[in-house]
N, C-alpha and C. Protein backbone atom coordinates (compact mmCIF):
# COMPACT_ATOMS: atom_id res chain seq x y z
N ARG A 1 113.35 80.05 105.69
CA ARG A 1 112.06 80.24 106.34
C ARG A 1 111.38 78.90 106.50
N GLU A 2 111.15 78.56 107.73
CA GLU A 2 110.51 77.29 108.06
C GLU A 2 111.27 76.11 107.48
N GLY A 3 112.61 76.19 107.41
CA GLY A 3 113.42 75.08 106.92
C GLY A 3 113.42 74.92 105.42
N ASP A 4 112.57 75.63 104.72
CA ASP A 4 112.48 75.57 103.26
C ASP A 4 113.23 76.77 102.71
N MET A 5 114.19 76.53 101.84
CA MET A 5 114.99 77.62 101.31
C MET A 5 114.13 78.62 100.54
N ALA A 6 114.40 79.90 100.77
CA ALA A 6 113.64 80.95 100.10
C ALA A 6 114.18 81.17 98.69
N HIS A 7 113.29 81.45 97.78
CA HIS A 7 113.64 81.72 96.38
C HIS A 7 113.30 83.18 96.10
N ALA A 8 114.03 83.78 95.17
CA ALA A 8 113.82 85.19 94.81
C ALA A 8 112.75 85.31 93.73
N TYR A 9 111.84 86.24 93.93
CA TYR A 9 110.76 86.50 92.98
C TYR A 9 110.66 87.99 92.70
N GLY A 10 109.87 88.34 91.73
CA GLY A 10 109.63 89.73 91.39
C GLY A 10 110.61 90.23 90.35
N ARG A 11 110.26 91.33 89.74
CA ARG A 11 111.08 91.93 88.69
C ARG A 11 112.51 92.17 89.16
N TYR A 12 112.65 92.59 90.42
CA TYR A 12 113.98 92.93 90.93
C TYR A 12 114.60 91.80 91.75
N ARG A 13 113.95 90.63 91.73
CA ARG A 13 114.45 89.44 92.42
C ARG A 13 114.76 89.73 93.88
N ASN A 14 113.89 90.52 94.52
CA ASN A 14 114.12 90.91 95.90
C ASN A 14 112.99 90.49 96.85
N VAL A 15 112.04 89.73 96.35
CA VAL A 15 110.96 89.19 97.18
C VAL A 15 111.32 87.73 97.43
N PHE A 16 111.55 87.40 98.70
CA PHE A 16 112.00 86.06 99.04
C PHE A 16 110.88 85.28 99.72
N LEU A 17 110.53 84.16 99.10
CA LEU A 17 109.47 83.29 99.60
C LEU A 17 109.94 81.84 99.52
N SER A 18 109.59 81.07 100.52
CA SER A 18 109.85 79.63 100.45
C SER A 18 108.81 79.01 99.51
N SER A 19 109.04 77.78 99.13
CA SER A 19 108.07 77.08 98.26
C SER A 19 106.72 76.98 98.96
N ALA A 20 106.75 76.73 100.27
CA ALA A 20 105.51 76.60 101.04
C ALA A 20 104.77 77.94 101.09
N GLU A 21 105.51 79.03 101.32
CA GLU A 21 104.87 80.36 101.37
C GLU A 21 104.26 80.71 100.02
N LEU A 22 104.98 80.43 98.94
CA LEU A 22 104.46 80.72 97.61
C LEU A 22 103.18 79.92 97.36
N ALA A 23 103.19 78.65 97.70
CA ALA A 23 102.01 77.80 97.50
C ALA A 23 100.82 78.33 98.30
N GLU A 24 101.07 78.78 99.53
CA GLU A 24 99.98 79.33 100.35
C GLU A 24 99.41 80.60 99.72
N LEU A 25 100.29 81.47 99.24
CA LEU A 25 99.82 82.71 98.60
C LEU A 25 99.03 82.40 97.32
N GLN A 26 99.48 81.40 96.57
CA GLN A 26 98.77 81.02 95.34
C GLN A 26 97.37 80.50 95.67
N THR A 27 97.24 79.82 96.81
CA THR A 27 95.93 79.31 97.23
C THR A 27 95.05 80.44 97.76
N GLU A 28 95.64 81.31 98.59
CA GLU A 28 94.89 82.39 99.21
C GLU A 28 94.51 83.51 98.23
N LEU A 29 95.39 83.77 97.27
CA LEU A 29 95.19 84.88 96.32
C LEU A 29 95.35 84.36 94.89
N PRO A 30 94.48 83.44 94.46
CA PRO A 30 94.69 82.74 93.18
C PRO A 30 94.89 83.64 91.97
N SER A 31 94.19 84.74 91.89
CA SER A 31 94.32 85.59 90.70
C SER A 31 95.18 86.83 90.96
N LEU A 32 95.67 86.99 92.19
CA LEU A 32 96.36 88.22 92.54
C LEU A 32 97.79 88.04 93.04
N TRP A 33 98.20 86.81 93.35
CA TRP A 33 99.50 86.62 94.00
C TRP A 33 100.66 87.22 93.20
N GLU A 34 100.64 87.08 91.88
CA GLU A 34 101.74 87.62 91.06
C GLU A 34 101.77 89.15 91.13
N GLN A 35 100.59 89.77 91.12
CA GLN A 35 100.52 91.23 91.20
C GLN A 35 101.10 91.74 92.51
N TYR A 36 100.80 91.03 93.60
CA TYR A 36 101.32 91.46 94.91
C TYR A 36 102.83 91.26 95.00
N ILE A 37 103.35 90.20 94.42
CA ILE A 37 104.80 90.00 94.41
C ILE A 37 105.46 91.14 93.64
N GLU A 38 104.92 91.49 92.49
CA GLU A 38 105.48 92.59 91.69
C GLU A 38 105.37 93.92 92.43
N ARG A 39 104.23 94.14 93.06
CA ARG A 39 104.03 95.39 93.80
C ARG A 39 105.05 95.52 94.93
N LEU A 40 105.27 94.43 95.66
CA LEU A 40 106.24 94.44 96.75
C LEU A 40 107.65 94.62 96.21
N SER A 41 107.97 93.93 95.13
CA SER A 41 109.30 94.05 94.52
C SER A 41 109.59 95.48 94.09
N GLU A 42 108.64 96.09 93.40
CA GLU A 42 108.82 97.47 92.93
C GLU A 42 108.90 98.45 94.09
N TYR A 43 108.06 98.25 95.10
CA TYR A 43 108.06 99.16 96.24
C TYR A 43 109.39 99.10 96.99
N MET A 44 109.87 97.90 97.26
CA MET A 44 111.13 97.78 97.99
C MET A 44 112.30 98.34 97.19
N GLU A 45 112.30 98.10 95.89
CA GLU A 45 113.38 98.61 95.04
C GLU A 45 113.37 100.14 94.98
N SER A 46 112.19 100.72 94.84
CA SER A 46 112.12 102.18 94.68
C SER A 46 112.28 102.93 96.00
N SER A 47 111.86 102.32 97.10
CA SER A 47 111.90 103.02 98.39
C SER A 47 113.13 102.68 99.22
N GLY A 48 113.75 101.54 98.92
CA GLY A 48 114.87 101.09 99.73
C GLY A 48 114.43 100.42 101.02
N LYS A 49 113.14 100.28 101.20
CA LYS A 49 112.59 99.68 102.41
C LYS A 49 112.65 98.16 102.31
N GLY A 50 112.87 97.51 103.44
CA GLY A 50 112.87 96.06 103.48
C GLY A 50 111.84 95.56 104.47
N TYR A 51 111.45 94.32 104.35
CA TYR A 51 110.48 93.72 105.25
C TYR A 51 111.05 92.42 105.78
N LYS A 52 110.71 92.12 107.02
CA LYS A 52 111.19 90.90 107.68
C LYS A 52 110.60 89.65 107.04
N ASN A 53 109.32 89.71 106.72
CA ASN A 53 108.61 88.54 106.20
C ASN A 53 107.78 88.98 104.99
N HIS A 54 108.22 88.59 103.81
CA HIS A 54 107.55 89.04 102.59
C HIS A 54 106.16 88.44 102.42
N ALA A 55 105.98 87.19 102.81
CA ALA A 55 104.65 86.56 102.70
C ALA A 55 103.65 87.29 103.60
N ALA A 56 104.08 87.62 104.81
CA ALA A 56 103.20 88.33 105.74
C ALA A 56 102.85 89.72 105.21
N THR A 57 103.82 90.38 104.60
CA THR A 57 103.58 91.71 104.03
C THR A 57 102.54 91.64 102.91
N ILE A 58 102.67 90.66 102.04
CA ILE A 58 101.71 90.49 100.94
C ILE A 58 100.32 90.23 101.49
N ARG A 59 100.21 89.36 102.50
CA ARG A 59 98.90 89.09 103.11
C ARG A 59 98.31 90.35 103.72
N ARG A 60 99.14 91.11 104.39
CA ARG A 60 98.68 92.35 105.03
C ARG A 60 98.15 93.32 103.98
N TRP A 61 98.89 93.49 102.91
CA TRP A 61 98.45 94.39 101.83
C TRP A 61 97.15 93.89 101.21
N ALA A 62 97.05 92.58 100.98
CA ALA A 62 95.84 92.01 100.37
C ALA A 62 94.63 92.23 101.28
N ASN A 63 94.81 92.03 102.58
CA ASN A 63 93.71 92.24 103.53
C ASN A 63 93.29 93.70 103.57
N ALA A 64 94.27 94.61 103.54
CA ALA A 64 93.96 96.04 103.55
C ALA A 64 93.20 96.43 102.28
N ASP A 65 93.64 95.90 101.13
CA ASP A 65 92.96 96.20 99.87
C ASP A 65 91.53 95.66 99.87
N LYS A 66 91.35 94.47 100.44
CA LYS A 66 90.02 93.86 100.50
C LYS A 66 89.08 94.72 101.35
N LYS A 67 89.60 95.25 102.46
CA LYS A 67 88.77 96.09 103.34
C LYS A 67 88.38 97.38 102.64
N LYS A 68 89.26 97.91 101.80
CA LYS A 68 88.95 99.14 101.05
C LYS A 68 87.80 98.91 100.08
N GLU A 69 87.70 97.70 99.54
CA GLU A 69 86.67 97.38 98.55
C GLU A 69 85.31 97.12 99.18
N GLU A 70 85.30 96.70 100.45
CA GLU A 70 84.04 96.37 101.11
C GLU A 70 83.25 97.64 101.41
N PRO A 71 81.96 97.64 101.11
CA PRO A 71 81.16 98.82 101.45
C PRO A 71 81.07 98.95 102.97
N PRO A 72 80.95 100.15 103.47
CA PRO A 72 80.85 100.32 104.92
C PRO A 72 79.60 99.65 105.46
N ALA A 73 79.74 99.06 106.61
CA ALA A 73 78.60 98.37 107.23
C ALA A 73 77.58 99.41 107.68
N ARG A 74 76.34 99.14 107.40
CA ARG A 74 75.28 100.06 107.81
C ARG A 74 74.30 99.29 108.67
N ASN A 75 74.14 99.75 109.85
CA ASN A 75 73.24 99.08 110.79
C ASN A 75 72.00 99.94 111.03
N ARG A 76 71.44 100.41 109.98
CA ARG A 76 70.25 101.24 110.11
C ARG A 76 69.02 100.35 110.31
N ASP A 77 68.20 100.76 111.21
CA ASP A 77 66.98 100.01 111.50
C ASP A 77 65.79 100.88 111.11
N TYR A 78 65.07 100.44 110.11
CA TYR A 78 63.94 101.21 109.62
C TYR A 78 62.61 100.63 110.11
N SER A 79 62.67 99.77 111.09
CA SER A 79 61.42 99.19 111.59
C SER A 79 60.65 100.24 112.40
N VAL A 80 59.35 100.13 112.35
CA VAL A 80 58.48 101.09 113.03
C VAL A 80 57.50 100.29 113.88
N GLU A 81 57.35 100.71 115.13
CA GLU A 81 56.39 100.05 116.01
C GLU A 81 54.98 100.49 115.64
N GLU A 82 54.02 99.64 115.91
CA GLU A 82 52.63 99.98 115.61
C GLU A 82 52.22 101.23 116.38
N GLY A 83 51.60 102.15 115.70
CA GLY A 83 51.16 103.39 116.32
C GLY A 83 52.24 104.47 116.30
N GLU A 84 53.44 104.13 115.89
CA GLU A 84 54.55 105.09 115.85
C GLU A 84 54.54 105.79 114.50
N THR A 85 54.83 107.08 114.49
CA THR A 85 54.89 107.82 113.23
C THR A 85 56.33 108.18 112.91
N ILE A 86 56.55 108.35 111.64
CA ILE A 86 57.91 108.68 111.19
C ILE A 86 58.00 110.15 110.92
């Protein structure tokens, strides 16, 4: 991947990341990168499913998890014009 040889990670040694991809994930997900590697490793081993790009899959999962944690946006406007009653 990108000329950098991929190394095997995860409990089942089935998550392949180049040194550059691993470094990027460590920067982007400083406290979570290991958990996502393990999650992907376990999921692929148990389901038999494979992914074309493991770094992209981890980023996708992290973004989806982040969106789940964010409270829904509320655009309620409680302003009242002068003379208007509620």
